[in-house]
Amino acid sequence: MGLHIPPVLRYRRFLLLWLGLIISMTGSQMQVWALFWHIRTITPQPIALSGVGLARIFPIILFSLVGGAVADSLNRRRLLFLTQTVLALVAAILAVLTFRGIKNIHKTIHELHLCTFIVF
């Protein structure tokens, strides 16, 4: 009994799309947990961690209906490239914030929350 590959994955473009999505989602999950760890090392206050959850859910509540209409009216391939580019830029900004060091705890936490809001 061999490995069963779903017929839809025999299409090269669809397979590449799914592989890219798996890689992107894995990176996004790693980024969220690294963000939790980073904020936890900055401050022991639980409210700072809950701010990450709020920053993640707030854009979904605000933009879900509008985002669906926009996604239906635009070229999906361009939209996918745009969103992945924004995700990569925010990841680079988070890396810069991390390596820059902590000068002001509250400013750093607000910057991290803003980046989280942009990503989600």
N, C-alpha and C. Protein backbone atom coordinates (compact mmCIF):
# COMPACT_ATOMS: atom_id res chain seq x y z
N MET A 1 0.85 -1.17 0.00
CA MET A 1 0.00 0.00 0.00
C MET A 1 0.89 1.23 0.00
N GLY A 2 0.88 1.96 -1.08
CA GLY A 2 1.75 3.11 -1.24
C GLY A 2 1.15 4.38 -0.66
N LEU A 3 1.90 5.42 -0.81
CA LEU A 3 1.48 6.73 -0.34
C LEU A 3 0.39 7.27 -1.26
N HIS A 4 -0.72 7.66 -0.69
CA HIS A 4 -1.83 8.19 -1.48
C HIS A 4 -1.72 9.71 -1.54
N ILE A 5 -1.53 10.23 -2.73
CA ILE A 5 -1.47 11.68 -2.94
C ILE A 5 -2.81 12.12 -3.49
N PRO A 6 -3.44 13.10 -2.85
CA PRO A 6 -4.72 13.59 -3.38
C PRO A 6 -4.55 14.08 -4.82
N PRO A 7 -5.53 13.80 -5.66
CA PRO A 7 -5.41 14.16 -7.07
C PRO A 7 -5.17 15.65 -7.31
N VAL A 8 -5.70 16.50 -6.45
CA VAL A 8 -5.55 17.93 -6.67
C VAL A 8 -4.09 18.37 -6.51
N LEU A 9 -3.29 17.63 -5.73
CA LEU A 9 -1.90 17.99 -5.53
C LEU A 9 -1.01 17.59 -6.70
N ARG A 10 -1.58 16.99 -7.71
CA ARG A 10 -0.81 16.65 -8.91
C ARG A 10 -0.65 17.86 -9.82
N TYR A 11 -1.42 18.91 -9.56
CA TYR A 11 -1.28 20.16 -10.30
C TYR A 11 -0.16 20.98 -9.65
N ARG A 12 0.86 21.26 -10.43
CA ARG A 12 2.06 21.89 -9.89
C ARG A 12 1.78 23.21 -9.19
N ARG A 13 0.99 24.08 -9.79
CA ARG A 13 0.73 25.39 -9.19
C ARG A 13 -0.01 25.27 -7.87
N PHE A 14 -0.95 24.35 -7.80
CA PHE A 14 -1.70 24.16 -6.56
C PHE A 14 -0.81 23.58 -5.48
N LEU A 15 0.06 22.65 -5.86
CA LEU A 15 1.01 22.07 -4.91
C LEU A 15 1.95 23.15 -4.37
N LEU A 16 2.45 24.02 -5.25
CA LEU A 16 3.33 25.10 -4.80
C LEU A 16 2.59 26.07 -3.88
N LEU A 17 1.33 26.34 -4.18
CA LEU A 17 0.53 27.21 -3.32
C LEU A 17 0.42 26.62 -1.92
N TRP A 18 0.11 25.34 -1.83
CA TRP A 18 -0.06 24.70 -0.53
C TRP A 18 1.26 24.60 0.22
N LEU A 19 2.33 24.30 -0.48
CA LEU A 19 3.64 24.26 0.19
C LEU A 19 4.01 25.64 0.72
N GLY A 20 3.75 26.67 -0.07
CA GLY A 20 4.02 28.04 0.38
C GLY A 20 3.17 28.42 1.58
N LEU A 21 1.90 28.01 1.57
CA LEU A 21 1.03 28.32 2.70
C LEU A 21 1.46 27.60 3.97
N ILE A 22 1.91 26.36 3.82
CA ILE A 22 2.39 25.61 4.99
C ILE A 22 3.62 26.28 5.58
N ILE A 23 4.55 26.70 4.72
CA ILE A 23 5.75 27.38 5.19
C ILE A 23 5.39 28.71 5.85
N SER A 24 4.48 29.46 5.23
CA SER A 24 4.07 30.75 5.77
C SER A 24 3.38 30.62 7.12
N MET A 25 2.49 29.67 7.24
CA MET A 25 1.78 29.48 8.51
C MET A 25 2.72 28.99 9.61
N THR A 26 3.67 28.14 9.25
CA THR A 26 4.66 27.69 10.23
C THR A 26 5.48 28.88 10.73
N GLY A 27 5.91 29.73 9.82
CA GLY A 27 6.66 30.93 10.21
C GLY A 27 5.83 31.87 11.05
N SER A 28 4.55 32.02 10.71
CA SER A 28 3.67 32.90 11.48
C SER A 28 3.48 32.39 12.90
N GLN A 29 3.31 31.09 13.06
CA GLN A 29 3.15 30.53 14.39
C GLN A 29 4.44 30.66 15.20
N MET A 30 5.57 30.46 14.57
CA MET A 30 6.84 30.65 15.25
C MET A 30 7.01 32.10 15.68
N GLN A 31 6.58 33.01 14.82
CA GLN A 31 6.68 34.43 15.13
C GLN A 31 5.80 34.80 16.32
N VAL A 32 4.60 34.27 16.39
CA VAL A 32 3.71 34.57 17.52
C VAL A 32 4.30 34.06 18.82
N TRP A 33 4.81 32.85 18.84
CA TRP A 33 5.38 32.31 20.07
C TRP A 33 6.67 33.02 20.45
N ALA A 34 7.45 33.44 19.46
CA ALA A 34 8.64 34.24 19.76
C ALA A 34 8.23 35.59 20.34
N LEU A 35 7.15 36.15 19.84
CA LEU A 35 6.64 37.41 20.36
C LEU A 35 6.18 37.26 21.81
N PHE A 36 5.47 36.18 22.10
CA PHE A 36 5.08 35.90 23.49
C PHE A 36 6.31 35.80 24.39
N TRP A 37 7.30 35.06 23.93
CA TRP A 37 8.52 34.87 24.72
C TRP A 37 9.24 36.21 24.92
N HIS A 38 9.30 37.01 23.85
CA HIS A 38 9.99 38.30 23.92
C HIS A 38 9.32 39.24 24.92
N ILE A 39 8.01 39.33 24.85
CA ILE A 39 7.29 40.20 25.77
C ILE A 39 7.41 39.68 27.19
N ARG A 40 7.40 38.38 27.36
CA ARG A 40 7.52 37.80 28.71
C ARG A 40 8.90 38.08 29.30
N THR A 41 9.94 38.13 28.47
CA THR A 41 11.27 38.46 28.99
C THR A 41 11.41 39.95 29.30
N ILE A 42 10.63 40.79 28.61
CA ILE A 42 10.69 42.23 28.87
C ILE A 42 10.00 42.58 30.18
N THR A 43 8.81 42.04 30.38
CA THR A 43 8.03 42.40 31.56
C THR A 43 7.27 41.19 32.08
N PRO A 44 7.14 41.06 33.38
CA PRO A 44 6.38 39.94 33.93
C PRO A 44 4.88 40.22 34.01
N GLN A 45 4.44 41.38 33.53
CA GLN A 45 3.03 41.74 33.63
C GLN A 45 2.19 40.92 32.64
N PRO A 46 1.17 40.22 33.12
CA PRO A 46 0.33 39.42 32.22
C PRO A 46 -0.48 40.28 31.24
N ILE A 47 -0.72 41.53 31.59
CA ILE A 47 -1.51 42.40 30.72
C ILE A 47 -0.78 42.65 29.39
N ALA A 48 0.55 42.62 29.43
CA ALA A 48 1.31 42.82 28.20
C ALA A 48 1.09 41.65 27.24
N LEU A 49 1.03 40.43 27.77
CA LEU A 49 0.76 39.27 26.92
C LEU A 49 -0.67 39.28 26.40
N SER A 50 -1.59 39.73 27.23
CA SER A 50 -2.98 39.78 26.76
C SER A 50 -3.15 40.84 25.68
N GLY A 51 -2.27 41.84 25.67
CA GLY A 51 -2.30 42.83 24.60
C GLY A 51 -1.99 42.22 23.25
N VAL A 52 -1.16 41.19 23.24
CA VAL A 52 -0.87 40.49 21.98
C VAL A 52 -2.14 39.81 21.47
N GLY A 53 -2.88 39.17 22.36
CA GLY A 53 -4.14 38.53 21.95
C GLY A 53 -5.13 39.55 21.43
N LEU A 54 -5.21 40.70 22.09
CA LEU A 54 -6.11 41.76 21.63
C LEU A 54 -5.65 42.31 20.28
N ALA A 55 -4.34 42.50 20.13
CA ALA A 55 -3.83 43.00 18.86
C ALA A 55 -4.02 42.00 17.73
N ARG A 56 -4.14 40.72 18.05
CA ARG A 56 -4.38 39.71 17.01
C ARG A 56 -5.85 39.63 16.61
N ILE A 57 -6.77 39.78 17.57
CA ILE A 57 -8.19 39.59 17.26
C ILE A 57 -8.84 40.87 16.75
N PHE A 58 -8.34 42.02 17.18
CA PHE A 58 -8.97 43.29 16.82
C PHE A 58 -9.03 43.53 15.30
N PRO A 59 -7.94 43.32 14.54
CA PRO A 59 -8.04 43.51 13.08
C PRO A 59 -9.01 42.53 12.42
N ILE A 60 -9.11 41.33 12.97
CA ILE A 60 -10.04 40.35 12.39
C ILE A 60 -11.46 40.84 12.55
N ILE A 61 -11.78 41.37 13.72
CA ILE A 61 -13.12 41.90 13.95
C ILE A 61 -13.38 43.11 13.06
N LEU A 62 -12.39 43.99 12.93
CA LEU A 62 -12.58 45.22 12.16
C LEU A 62 -12.68 44.99 10.66
N PHE A 63 -11.79 44.16 10.12
CA PHE A 63 -11.62 44.10 8.67
C PHE A 63 -12.13 42.83 8.00
N SER A 64 -12.77 41.93 8.70
CA SER A 64 -13.14 40.66 8.08
C SER A 64 -14.17 40.84 6.96
N LEU A 65 -15.20 41.62 7.16
CA LEU A 65 -16.20 41.80 6.12
C LEU A 65 -15.66 42.59 4.93
N VAL A 66 -14.97 43.68 5.23
CA VAL A 66 -14.40 44.50 4.16
C VAL A 66 -13.32 43.72 3.42
N GLY A 67 -12.51 42.97 4.16
CA GLY A 67 -11.44 42.20 3.55
C GLY A 67 -11.96 41.15 2.58
N GLY A 68 -13.09 40.54 2.91
CA GLY A 68 -13.68 39.55 2.01
C GLY A 68 -14.13 40.19 0.71
N ALA A 69 -14.75 41.34 0.79
CA ALA A 69 -15.21 42.04 -0.42
C ALA A 69 -14.02 42.49 -1.27
N VAL A 70 -12.99 42.99 -0.63
CA VAL A 70 -11.80 43.44 -1.35
C VAL A 70 -11.11 42.24 -2.01
N ALA A 71 -11.00 41.15 -1.28
CA ALA A 71 -10.33 39.96 -1.82
C ALA A 71 -11.08 39.41 -3.03
N ASP A 72 -12.40 39.54 -3.05
CA ASP A 72 -13.18 39.06 -4.19
C ASP A 72 -13.04 39.96 -5.41
N SER A 73 -12.71 41.23 -5.20
CA SER A 73 -12.67 42.16 -6.33
C SER A 73 -11.27 42.35 -6.89
N LEU A 74 -10.23 41.91 -6.20
CA LEU A 74 -8.86 42.09 -6.67
C LEU A 74 -8.29 40.79 -7.23
N ASN A 75 -7.18 40.95 -7.92
CA ASN A 75 -6.45 39.80 -8.44
C ASN A 75 -5.87 39.03 -7.26
N ARG A 76 -6.24 37.80 -7.11
CA ARG A 76 -5.85 37.02 -5.93
C ARG A 76 -4.35 36.76 -5.86
N ARG A 77 -3.74 36.58 -7.01
CA ARG A 77 -2.30 36.33 -7.01
C ARG A 77 -1.53 37.56 -6.53
N ARG A 78 -1.90 38.73 -7.02
CA ARG A 78 -1.25 39.96 -6.57
C ARG A 78 -1.52 40.21 -5.08
N LEU A 79 -2.73 39.94 -4.65
CA LEU A 79 -3.08 40.12 -3.26
C LEU A 79 -2.26 39.19 -2.37
N LEU A 80 -2.06 37.96 -2.81
CA LEU A 80 -1.25 37.01 -2.05
C LEU A 80 0.19 37.48 -1.96
N PHE A 81 0.75 37.96 -3.07
CA PHE A 81 2.12 38.48 -3.04
C PHE A 81 2.23 39.71 -2.14
N LEU A 82 1.23 40.57 -2.17
CA LEU A 82 1.24 41.77 -1.33
C LEU A 82 1.19 41.40 0.15
N THR A 83 0.29 40.50 0.51
CA THR A 83 0.18 40.14 1.93
C THR A 83 1.42 39.42 2.42
N GLN A 84 2.00 38.56 1.61
CA GLN A 84 3.22 37.85 2.02
C GLN A 84 4.40 38.81 2.14
N THR A 85 4.44 39.83 1.28
CA THR A 85 5.49 40.84 1.38
C THR A 85 5.35 41.64 2.66
N VAL A 86 4.11 42.02 3.00
CA VAL A 86 3.87 42.76 4.25
C VAL A 86 4.27 41.90 5.44
N LEU A 87 3.94 40.62 5.42
CA LEU A 87 4.33 39.72 6.52
C LEU A 87 5.84 39.64 6.66
N ALA A 88 6.55 39.58 5.55
CA ALA A 88 8.01 39.53 5.59
C ALA A 88 8.59 40.84 6.12
N LEU A 89 8.02 41.97 5.71
CA LEU A 89 8.50 43.26 6.21
C LEU A 89 8.28 43.41 7.71
N VAL A 90 7.12 42.99 8.18
CA VAL A 90 6.85 43.07 9.62
C VAL A 90 7.77 42.14 10.40
N ALA A 91 8.07 40.99 9.85
CA ALA A 91 9.02 40.08 10.51
C ALA A 91 10.40 40.74 10.59
N ALA A 92 10.79 41.45 9.54
CA ALA A 92 12.07 42.17 9.56
C ALA A 92 12.04 43.29 10.60
N ILE A 93 10.92 44.00 10.70
CA ILE A 93 10.78 45.07 11.71
C ILE A 93 10.87 44.48 13.11
N LEU A 94 10.22 43.34 13.33
CA LEU A 94 10.30 42.69 14.64
C LEU A 94 11.74 42.28 14.95
N ALA A 95 12.47 41.82 13.96
CA ALA A 95 13.88 41.45 14.18
C ALA A 95 14.70 42.68 14.55
N VAL A 96 14.45 43.80 13.87
CA VAL A 96 15.17 45.04 14.19
C VAL A 96 14.83 45.49 15.60
N LEU A 97 13.56 45.43 15.97
CA LEU A 97 13.16 45.81 17.33
C LEU A 97 13.83 44.93 18.38
N THR A 98 13.98 43.66 18.06
CA THR A 98 14.60 42.74 19.01
C THR A 98 16.09 43.02 19.15
N PHE A 99 16.78 43.19 18.04
CA PHE A 99 18.23 43.39 18.09
C PHE A 99 18.62 44.80 18.51
N ARG A 100 17.69 45.74 18.41
CA ARG A 100 17.96 47.12 18.81
C ARG A 100 18.17 47.23 20.31
N GLY A 101 17.53 46.37 21.03
CA GLY A 101 17.63 46.42 22.49
C GLY A 101 16.46 47.19 23.07
N ILE A 102 16.37 47.14 24.38
CA ILE A 102 15.25 47.76 25.07
C ILE A 102 15.74 49.03 25.76
N LYS A 103 15.24 50.16 25.27
CA LYS A 103 15.57 51.42 25.91
C LYS A 103 14.42 51.88 26.79
N ASN A 104 13.22 51.68 26.30
CA ASN A 104 12.02 52.07 27.04
C ASN A 104 11.05 50.89 26.96
N ILE A 105 10.77 50.27 28.08
CA ILE A 105 9.96 49.05 28.10
C ILE A 105 8.57 49.29 27.52
N HIS A 106 7.91 50.36 27.93
CA HIS A 106 6.54 50.61 27.46
C HIS A 106 6.51 50.91 25.97
N LYS A 107 7.48 51.67 25.47
CA LYS A 107 7.53 51.96 24.04
C LYS A 107 7.77 50.68 23.24
N THR A 108 8.66 49.84 23.72
CA THR A 108 8.96 48.59 23.02
C THR A 108 7.73 47.69 22.98
N ILE A 109 7.02 47.60 24.08
CA ILE A 109 5.82 46.75 24.12
C ILE A 109 4.76 47.30 23.17
N HIS A 110 4.60 48.61 23.12
CA HIS A 110 3.62 49.20 22.20
C HIS A 110 4.03 48.96 20.74
N GLU A 111 5.32 49.03 20.45
CA GLU A 111 5.79 48.73 19.10
C GLU A 111 5.51 47.28 18.72
N LEU A 112 5.73 46.38 19.65
CA LEU A 112 5.46 44.96 19.39
C LEU A 112 3.97 44.71 19.19
N HIS A 113 3.13 45.37 19.97
CA HIS A 113 1.69 45.23 19.79
C HIS A 113 1.25 45.79 18.43
N LEU A 114 1.84 46.91 18.00
CA LEU A 114 1.51 47.49 16.71
C LEU A 114 1.89 46.54 15.57
N CYS A 115 3.07 45.93 15.66
CA CYS A 115 3.48 44.96 14.63
C CYS A 115 2.54 43.76 14.61
N THR A 116 2.11 43.32 15.78
CA THR A 116 1.17 42.21 15.84
C THR A 116 -0.16 42.59 15.19
N PHE A 117 -0.61 43.81 15.43
CA PHE A 117 -1.85 44.30 14.82
C PHE A 117 -1.75 44.31 13.31
N ILE A 118 -0.60 44.74 12.78
CA ILE A 118 -0.41 44.81 11.33
C ILE A 118 -0.40 43.41 10.72
N VAL A 119 0.23 42.47 11.40
CA VAL A 119 0.33 41.10 10.84
C VAL A 119 -1.03 40.42 10.79
N PHE A 120 -1.83 40.59 11.83
CA PHE A 120 -3.07 39.85 11.88
C PHE A 120 -4.21 40.76 11.53
